[in-house]
Amino acid sequence: KYFKGIEKYDAVNVHSITKSITSVLIGITIDKQIIQKEENKVMKYFPEYQQYVDSLKNDLTLKHLLTMKGGFAHWDAYSTPKECLVDIKINKTPGSNFRYFTGSQALLSAIITKSSKQTTKEFAQEYLFEPIGIKNGFWRLQEGYYCGGGESYYTARDLARIGQLYLNKGKVNSKQVISETWIEKSFAN
């Protein structure tokens, strides 16, 4: 049964569920050694903005972004990577304080693109969507990067496939799509 006239094949904007999908994709980049570890410094991926950042931004890691403990002093919005690194200040030591901030996932999406040499959507299609049977129809581009924190569309069954992937410890049929280690980390602090 579906809600408000939605049917089996209707894809809807899943908003912040996209953040979880971005986390899965970061896990896959680490599994494939495209990114070494979640403790990597964020600024490693953005040398073009190095001249604008302070010491707190130099301390940011992917893990801080994944756990929303980046210390950003900003209300939640669809900020671009440039806005996050150049315009938006950090007022708390990264890792010390949780604050919901969608810009963190914008940075993660850009890092996926920069590391994999594919757009986030292309990477997702190859390593997540196709292996588990998802057909993503729309994912919003913002200044050259796919939004890591929202504006992507899926069917209810697509989301159920991701849930089942987690219940199966990262496997679909007999193929390991994402490591069991990343599944466990996804549920830890």
Protein backbone atom coordinates (compact mmCIF):
# COMPACT_ATOMS: atom_id res chain seq x y z
CA LYS A 1 0.00 0.00 0.00
CA TYR A 2 1.32 3.47 -0.88
CA PHE A 3 0.68 6.91 0.58
CA LYS A 4 -1.24 9.81 -1.02
CA GLY A 5 -1.82 8.27 -4.42
CA ILE A 6 1.80 7.21 -4.96
CA GLU A 7 2.12 3.95 -6.85
CA LYS A 8 4.72 1.19 -7.10
CA TYR A 9 6.87 2.87 -9.77
CA ASP A 10 6.58 6.51 -8.60
CA ALA A 11 9.87 8.03 -7.48
CA VAL A 12 9.70 10.84 -4.96
CA ASN A 13 12.18 13.28 -3.47
CA VAL A 14 13.58 11.47 -0.43
CA HIS A 15 15.23 14.64 0.90
CA SER A 16 17.64 13.81 3.74
CA ILE A 17 17.58 10.07 3.11
CA THR A 18 20.06 11.08 0.41
CA LYS A 19 22.57 11.66 3.23
CA SER A 20 22.47 7.94 4.04
CA ILE A 21 23.00 7.07 0.39
CA THR A 22 26.00 9.41 0.29
CA SER A 23 27.37 7.63 3.36
CA VAL A 24 26.98 4.27 1.60
CA LEU A 25 28.90 5.68 -1.38
CA ILE A 26 31.72 6.95 0.84
CA GLY A 27 31.91 3.45 2.33
CA ILE A 28 32.17 1.95 -1.15
CA THR A 29 34.98 4.37 -2.10
CA ILE A 30 36.86 3.27 1.02
CA ASP A 31 36.15 -0.42 0.29
CA LYS A 32 37.54 0.06 -3.22
CA GLN A 33 40.53 2.04 -1.85
CA ILE A 34 39.59 5.06 -3.93
CA ILE A 35 39.60 6.90 -0.59
CA GLN A 36 41.96 5.48 2.00
CA LYS A 37 39.96 6.08 5.19
CA GLU A 38 37.33 8.28 6.77
CA GLU A 39 40.05 10.01 8.82
CA ASN A 40 41.36 11.67 5.62
CA LYS A 41 41.49 15.44 5.85
CA VAL A 42 38.82 17.22 3.78
CA MET A 43 41.18 19.91 2.47
CA LYS A 44 43.25 17.23 0.72
CA TYR A 45 40.45 17.18 -1.88
CA PHE A 46 40.06 20.95 -2.22
CA PRO A 47 43.48 22.53 -2.79
CA GLU A 48 41.77 25.28 -4.80
CA TYR A 49 40.29 26.66 -1.56
CA GLN A 50 43.31 26.22 0.71
CA GLN A 51 44.12 29.94 0.74
CA TYR A 52 40.70 30.69 2.27
CA VAL A 53 40.64 28.21 5.15
CA ASP A 54 41.67 28.51 8.77
CA SER A 55 43.19 25.92 11.06
CA LEU A 56 39.80 24.49 12.10
CA LYS A 57 38.89 23.73 8.48
CA ASN A 58 42.31 22.14 8.01
CA ASP A 59 41.38 19.74 10.84
CA LEU A 60 38.12 18.59 9.18
CA THR A 61 37.97 14.90 8.27
CA LEU A 62 35.50 12.86 6.28
CA LYS A 63 34.38 11.27 9.56
CA HIS A 64 33.49 14.71 10.93
CA LEU A 65 31.30 15.29 7.87
CA LEU A 66 29.71 11.83 8.05
CA THR A 67 28.80 12.29 11.73
CA MET A 68 27.79 15.96 11.34
CA LYS A 69 30.45 17.01 13.79
CA GLY A 70 32.20 19.45 11.47
CA GLY A 71 31.68 22.41 13.78
CA PHE A 72 30.04 24.58 11.11
CA ALA A 73 28.40 27.76 12.40
CA HIS A 74 25.55 27.80 9.95
CA TRP A 75 21.92 26.85 9.76
CA ASP A 76 21.02 23.92 7.56
CA ALA A 77 20.89 24.62 3.82
CA TYR A 78 21.95 23.21 0.48
CA SER A 79 25.35 24.86 0.59
CA THR A 80 27.88 24.23 -2.15
CA PRO A 81 31.36 22.89 -1.38
CA LYS A 82 32.79 26.34 -2.09
CA GLU A 83 30.36 28.00 0.32
CA CYS A 84 31.19 25.43 3.01
CA LEU A 85 34.93 25.94 2.71
CA VAL A 86 35.18 29.65 1.83
CA ASP A 87 32.13 31.45 3.22
CA ILE A 88 30.76 29.44 6.14
CA LYS A 89 32.73 29.62 9.37
CA ILE A 90 33.53 26.82 11.76
CA ASN A 91 33.01 27.88 15.37
CA LYS A 92 33.45 24.56 17.19
CA THR A 93 36.40 22.19 17.13
CA PRO A 94 35.64 19.50 14.52
CA GLY A 95 34.55 16.31 16.24
CA SER A 96 33.38 18.01 19.44
CA ASN A 97 29.77 18.92 18.70
CA PHE A 98 26.88 17.54 16.63
CA ARG A 99 25.08 20.05 14.42
CA TYR A 100 22.83 19.03 11.56
CA PHE A 101 24.28 20.61 8.44
CA THR A 102 23.48 19.42 4.90
CA GLY A 103 26.58 21.19 3.57
CA SER A 104 28.64 18.35 5.06
CA GLN A 105 27.13 15.96 2.53
CA ALA A 106 27.70 18.45 -0.30
CA LEU A 107 31.39 18.21 0.55
CA LEU A 108 31.22 14.40 0.66
CA SER A 109 29.54 14.25 -2.75
CA ALA A 110 32.25 16.49 -4.22
CA ILE A 111 34.91 14.26 -2.61
CA ILE A 112 33.34 11.19 -4.25
CA THR A 113 33.47 12.97 -7.62
CA LYS A 114 37.03 14.23 -7.18
CA SER A 115 38.32 10.85 -5.93
CA SER A 116 36.54 8.51 -8.32
CA LYS A 117 36.78 10.72 -11.44
CA GLN A 118 33.05 10.04 -11.93
CA THR A 119 30.09 12.11 -10.89
CA THR A 120 28.49 10.95 -7.66
CA LYS A 121 25.50 9.73 -9.67
CA GLU A 122 27.68 7.78 -12.13
CA PHE A 123 29.60 6.23 -9.25
CA ALA A 124 26.36 5.34 -7.47
CA GLN A 125 24.92 3.84 -10.65
CA GLU A 126 27.93 1.59 -11.20
CA TYR A 127 28.66 0.47 -7.65
CA LEU A 128 25.35 0.68 -5.79
CA PHE A 129 22.25 1.21 -7.89
CA GLU A 130 22.89 -1.30 -10.66
CA PRO A 131 24.08 -4.11 -8.35
CA ILE A 132 20.97 -3.86 -6.16
CA GLY A 133 18.42 -2.95 -8.86
CA ILE A 134 17.78 0.77 -8.31
CA LYS A 135 16.90 3.06 -11.20
CA ASN A 136 17.47 6.60 -9.91
CA GLY A 137 15.67 9.01 -12.19
CA PHE A 138 16.68 12.40 -10.85
CA TRP A 139 19.39 13.78 -8.61
CA ARG A 140 19.89 17.53 -8.46
CA LEU A 141 23.15 19.03 -9.65
CA GLN A 142 24.39 22.11 -7.83
CA GLU A 143 27.41 23.95 -9.20
CA GLY A 144 28.82 20.83 -10.83
CA TYR A 145 28.25 18.33 -8.01
CA TYR A 146 25.25 16.19 -7.12
CA CYS A 147 23.60 17.20 -3.85
CA GLY A 148 24.87 14.83 -1.22
CA GLY A 149 22.21 15.70 1.30
CA GLY A 150 18.93 15.82 -0.61
CA GLU A 151 17.11 16.34 -3.86
CA SER A 152 17.27 12.79 -5.18
CA TYR A 153 14.32 10.64 -6.18
CA TYR A 154 13.63 6.96 -5.46
CA THR A 155 10.71 4.58 -5.26
CA ALA A 156 9.72 3.02 -1.95
CA ARG A 157 11.05 -0.28 -3.29
CA ASP A 158 14.42 1.34 -4.09
CA LEU A 159 14.75 2.41 -0.47
CA ALA A 160 13.68 -1.05 0.67
CA ARG A 161 16.54 -2.46 -1.44
CA ILE A 162 19.02 -0.30 0.45
CA GLY A 163 17.50 -1.39 3.76
CA GLN A 164 17.72 -5.03 2.71
CA LEU A 165 21.36 -4.50 1.69
CA TYR A 166 22.08 -3.38 5.26
CA LEU A 167 20.09 -6.27 6.74
CA ASN A 168 22.15 -8.64 4.57
CA LYS A 169 25.40 -7.09 5.88
CA GLY A 170 26.25 -5.48 2.56
CA LYS A 171 25.46 -8.41 0.27
CA VAL A 172 22.96 -8.80 -2.54
CA ASN A 173 22.63 -12.38 -3.73
CA SER A 174 26.22 -13.53 -3.15
CA LYS A 175 27.90 -10.25 -4.13
CA GLN A 176 29.40 -8.01 -1.43
CA VAL A 177 28.31 -4.51 -2.55
CA ILE A 178 29.52 -2.76 0.59
CA SER A 179 31.71 -4.18 3.33
CA GLU A 180 30.26 -5.47 6.55
CA THR A 181 32.81 -3.25 8.29
CA TRP A 182 31.23 -0.13 6.78
CA ILE A 183 27.75 -1.37 7.70
CA GLU A 184 28.88 -1.66 11.34
CA LYS A 185 30.54 1.77 11.27
CA SER A 186 27.32 3.27 9.91
CA PHE A 187 25.57 2.39 13.15
CA ALA A 188 28.39 3.54 15.47
CA ASN A 189 29.09 7.06 16.68
